[in-house]
Protein backbone atom coordinates (compact mmCIF):
# COMPACT_ATOMS: atom_id res chain seq x y z
CA MET A 1 0.24 0.02 0.32
CA LYS A 2 2.82 2.14 0.91
CA ASN A 3 4.68 2.00 -2.26
CA LYS A 4 1.73 2.09 -4.05
CA MET A 5 1.38 5.63 -2.78
CA LYS A 6 4.92 6.69 -3.14
CA ILE A 7 4.33 5.53 -6.76
CA SER A 8 1.25 7.88 -7.30
CA ALA A 9 2.98 10.56 -5.62
CA LEU A 10 5.79 10.39 -7.99
CA VAL A 11 3.71 10.23 -11.19
CA ILE A 12 1.66 13.50 -9.78
CA GLY A 13 5.30 15.15 -9.44
CA LEU A 14 6.58 14.15 -12.52
CA LEU A 15 3.10 14.97 -14.05
CA PHE A 16 3.27 18.43 -12.10
CA LEU A 17 6.68 19.37 -13.36
CA GLY A 18 5.84 18.34 -17.30
CA SER A 19 3.18 20.66 -17.06
CA MET A 20 5.55 23.69 -15.64
CA VAL A 21 7.87 22.97 -18.74
CA SER A 22 5.05 22.87 -20.98
CA ALA A 23 3.90 26.09 -20.06
CA GLN A 24 7.03 28.07 -20.30
CA HIS A 25 7.92 30.42 -23.56
CA ARG A 26 10.24 28.31 -25.72
CA ILE A 27 12.94 29.94 -27.83
CA TYR A 28 14.23 28.59 -31.00
CA LEU A 29 17.76 29.62 -32.58
CA VAL A 30 18.46 29.87 -36.37
CA ASN A 31 21.41 27.06 -35.52
CA GLY A 32 18.72 24.53 -33.82
CA THR A 33 18.87 25.62 -30.23
CA GLN A 34 15.96 25.23 -27.97
CA LEU A 35 15.71 27.78 -24.88
CA LEU A 36 13.05 27.48 -22.34
CA THR A 37 12.38 30.61 -20.60
CA ASP A 38 9.73 32.55 -18.49
CA SER A 39 9.84 36.16 -19.50
CA THR A 40 11.21 37.84 -22.52
CA MET A 41 11.49 41.61 -23.91
CA PHE A 42 12.13 42.73 -27.13
CA GLY A 43 14.46 45.50 -28.21
CA ILE A 44 15.23 46.79 -31.35
CA LEU A 45 18.40 44.99 -32.21
CA ASP A 46 18.19 42.46 -29.22
CA ILE A 47 16.08 40.17 -27.16
CA LYS A 48 16.18 39.45 -24.09
CA TYR A 49 14.89 36.66 -22.09
CA HIS A 50 15.16 35.33 -18.58
CA VAL A 51 15.54 31.18 -18.39
CA ALA A 52 12.50 29.88 -15.97
CA ALA A 53 15.53 27.39 -14.57
CA GLU A 54 17.19 30.11 -12.56
CA ASN A 55 15.87 31.70 -9.66
CA ASP A 56 17.56 35.22 -10.00
CA THR A 57 16.57 38.16 -11.75
CA LEU A 58 19.52 37.87 -14.77
CA PHE A 59 18.40 38.43 -18.67
CA HIS A 60 20.07 37.51 -20.88
CA THR A 61 20.84 38.82 -24.44
CA LEU A 62 20.32 37.62 -27.89
CA GLN A 63 20.77 38.92 -31.44
CA ARG A 64 17.53 39.20 -33.67
CA ASN A 65 19.28 37.27 -36.17
CA GLU A 66 19.97 34.39 -33.58
CA VAL A 67 16.35 33.82 -33.00
CA ALA A 68 14.03 31.59 -35.78
CA GLN A 69 10.90 32.38 -33.56
CA ILE A 70 9.49 32.77 -29.96
CA ARG A 71 6.30 29.90 -28.90
CA TYR A 72 4.81 31.45 -26.38
CA LYS A 73 3.02 29.32 -23.51
CA ASN A 74 -0.40 30.61 -24.90
CA GLY A 75 0.36 28.95 -28.14
CA VAL A 76 1.35 32.20 -30.19
CA VAL A 77 4.34 31.71 -32.43
CA TYR A 78 6.22 34.78 -33.17
CA SER A 79 8.57 34.17 -36.26
CA ILE A 80 11.87 36.21 -36.80
CA ASN A 81 13.63 34.43 -39.18
CA PRO A 82 14.15 31.00 -40.75
CA MET A 83 15.78 28.06 -39.12
CA ASN A 84 18.49 26.33 -40.91
CA ASP A 85 19.97 22.96 -40.60
CA ASN A 86 23.90 21.83 -41.51
CA ASN A 87 22.91 21.78 -44.80
CA GLY A 88 21.24 24.89 -45.38
CA VAL A 89 17.99 23.64 -45.56
CA VAL A 90 15.07 26.24 -43.92
CA ASN A 91 13.41 23.76 -41.30
CA GLU A 92 10.61 24.07 -38.70
CA PRO A 93 12.09 23.91 -35.41
CA SER A 94 11.63 20.34 -33.83
CA THR A 95 13.16 18.73 -31.05
CA PRO A 96 16.75 21.13 -31.04
CA GLN A 97 18.98 20.60 -27.90
CA THR A 98 18.11 22.23 -24.67
CA TYR A 99 20.84 24.53 -22.76
CA PRO A 100 23.57 23.65 -25.18
CA VAL A 101 27.49 24.59 -23.84
CA GLU A 102 27.94 27.57 -25.81
CA PHE A 103 24.42 28.93 -23.78
CA VAL A 104 26.03 28.11 -20.59
CA ALA A 105 29.55 30.06 -21.43
CA SER A 106 27.04 33.00 -22.34
CA ARG A 107 25.00 32.76 -18.78
CA LYS A 108 28.45 32.65 -17.08
CA ASN A 109 29.51 35.54 -18.95
CA SER A 110 26.55 37.36 -17.88
CA LYS A 111 27.01 37.24 -14.30
CA GLU A 112 30.79 37.99 -14.57
CA MET A 113 30.04 41.17 -16.57
CA PHE A 114 27.65 41.81 -13.75
CA LYS A 115 30.02 41.45 -11.35
CA LYS A 116 32.71 43.48 -12.54
CA GLY A 117 30.05 45.94 -12.91
CA TYR A 118 29.23 46.05 -9.16
CA GLU A 119 33.13 45.97 -8.50
CA GLU A 120 33.99 49.41 -10.78
CA GLY A 121 30.77 51.03 -9.48
CA LEU A 122 32.55 50.64 -6.06
CA MET A 123 36.12 51.49 -7.66
CA TYR A 124 35.38 54.45 -9.86
CA TYR A 125 31.88 56.29 -8.72
CA ASP A 126 32.54 59.21 -6.27
CA GLY A 127 29.14 60.74 -5.99
CA LYS A 128 30.76 63.90 -6.13
CA LYS A 129 28.00 65.53 -8.70
CA ALA A 130 25.05 64.49 -6.30
CA ARG A 131 26.70 66.05 -3.49
CA ASN A 132 27.90 69.15 -5.06
CA THR A 133 24.18 69.70 -6.38
CA ALA A 134 22.57 68.67 -3.00
CA ILE A 135 24.72 71.86 -1.66
CA VAL A 136 23.67 74.74 -4.31
CA LEU A 137 20.07 73.47 -3.81
CA THR A 138 20.02 73.64 -0.22
CA ALA A 139 22.18 76.84 0.53
CA ILE A 140 19.74 78.66 -2.03
CA PRO A 141 17.57 80.41 0.31
CA ILE A 142 14.29 78.65 -0.44
CA PRO A 143 12.28 76.88 1.82
CA LEU A 144 12.05 73.28 1.21
CA LEU A 145 14.05 73.15 -1.90
CA GLY A 146 17.37 71.46 -0.29
CA LEU A 147 15.31 68.73 0.96
CA VAL A 148 12.83 67.88 -2.20
CA GLY A 149 16.49 68.44 -4.24
CA THR A 150 18.49 66.20 -2.42
CA SER A 151 15.49 63.74 -2.42
CA ALA A 152 15.29 63.45 -5.83
CA VAL A 153 18.89 63.58 -6.62
CA SER A 154 19.26 60.51 -3.98
CA ILE A 155 16.41 58.89 -5.83
CA ALA A 156 17.87 58.93 -8.93
CA PRO A 157 19.23 56.60 -10.83
CA VAL A 158 23.02 56.29 -11.65
CA ASN A 159 24.05 56.59 -14.81
CA PRO A 160 27.81 56.01 -15.54
CA HIS A 161 29.28 57.90 -18.04
CA VAL A 162 32.65 57.46 -19.71
CA ASN A 163 34.67 59.30 -17.05
CA THR A 164 33.88 57.17 -14.18
CA VAL A 165 34.62 53.18 -16.10
CA SER A 166 37.64 51.49 -16.79
CA ASP A 167 36.73 51.13 -20.74
CA THR A 168 34.16 52.97 -22.29
CA LYS A 169 32.94 49.97 -24.20
CA LEU A 170 31.63 48.25 -21.35
CA LEU A 171 28.79 50.76 -21.30
CA THR A 172 27.02 49.20 -24.04
CA ASN A 173 26.53 45.94 -21.43
CA ALA A 174 23.66 45.67 -20.12
CA GLN A 175 24.82 43.67 -17.38
CA TYR A 176 27.89 45.75 -16.45
CA VAL A 177 25.43 48.53 -16.89
CA ALA A 178 22.64 47.18 -14.22
CA GLY A 179 25.99 45.91 -12.08
CA TYR A 180 27.77 49.45 -11.69
CA LYS A 181 24.33 51.14 -10.83
CA LYS A 182 23.73 48.82 -7.91
CA ALA A 183 26.90 49.03 -6.67
CA ALA A 184 27.14 53.05 -7.26
CA HIS A 185 23.36 53.92 -6.26
CA PRO A 186 24.21 53.68 -1.96
CA GLU A 187 27.46 55.70 -2.65
CA LYS A 188 25.37 58.36 -4.46
CA VAL A 189 22.77 58.55 -1.35
CA ARG A 190 25.39 59.02 1.06
CA LYS A 191 27.02 61.35 -0.90
CA ALA A 192 24.02 64.08 -1.69
CA TRP A 193 22.70 63.60 2.03
CA LYS A 194 25.96 65.20 2.85
CA GLY A 195 25.77 67.82 0.17
CA PHE A 196 22.25 68.46 2.07
CA LEU A 197 24.18 68.94 5.68
CA ILE A 198 26.69 70.88 4.10
CA GLY A 199 24.51 73.51 1.84
CA GLY A 200 22.33 73.74 5.01
CA ALA A 201 25.37 74.48 7.45
CA ILE A 202 26.39 77.27 4.42
CA LYS A 203 22.85 78.55 4.20
CA ILE A 204 22.53 79.00 8.43
CA THR A 205 26.01 80.69 8.80
CA GLY A 206 24.90 82.86 5.86
CA MET A 207 21.42 83.75 7.83
CA ILE A 208 23.80 84.64 10.48
CA MET A 209 26.38 86.61 8.91
CA LEU A 210 23.30 88.54 7.69
CA VAL A 211 21.62 89.50 10.72
CA VAL A 212 24.60 90.20 12.22
CA ALA A 213 25.45 92.55 9.49
CA VAL A 214 22.07 94.18 9.68
CA ALA A 215 22.11 94.45 13.97
CA GLY A 216 25.67 96.06 13.34
């Protein structure tokens, strides 16, 4: 009786897993490779996707000319390019290999680029622009301008530029930029509010000096 229950539970589990896999989007590449995804985003020149088997939020990137078609879990098929076999004959996607070696390598490269961006965000971003902006806004004698302005500066995402990276070519890599922004944003917030304090001190000092000058 117990063995039958175990077998039944195993069968139910396999059916559930099979239904999860079959409900995922499928990306077919022109070289015959199949990718299982749970999310896709279209750009002008590329397609970003999230791998269903991964638990993180990392998106991978494919060029449009690499993709033959996408079959969504609701049955909709979006064809982009024809698929070729080794003889150059156009074929419909059939049962290509899942997670090939080159795909695993691209996934590893994406994580390495995110890590590199994170490390360079910590290394190169100094937050001086955020600090100086907050100082100017706070020092201006307009009520709440410094508070509102500094809040806006600290909330805005970091935009790495040519003077804050080791190689400008890295700015074209989405994973590098994402890692850079994640690492640099806490420093931007810290410097912005430091600027708020400096600007406040300047404003108070100026007001004291004005009062003394008028009283004298």
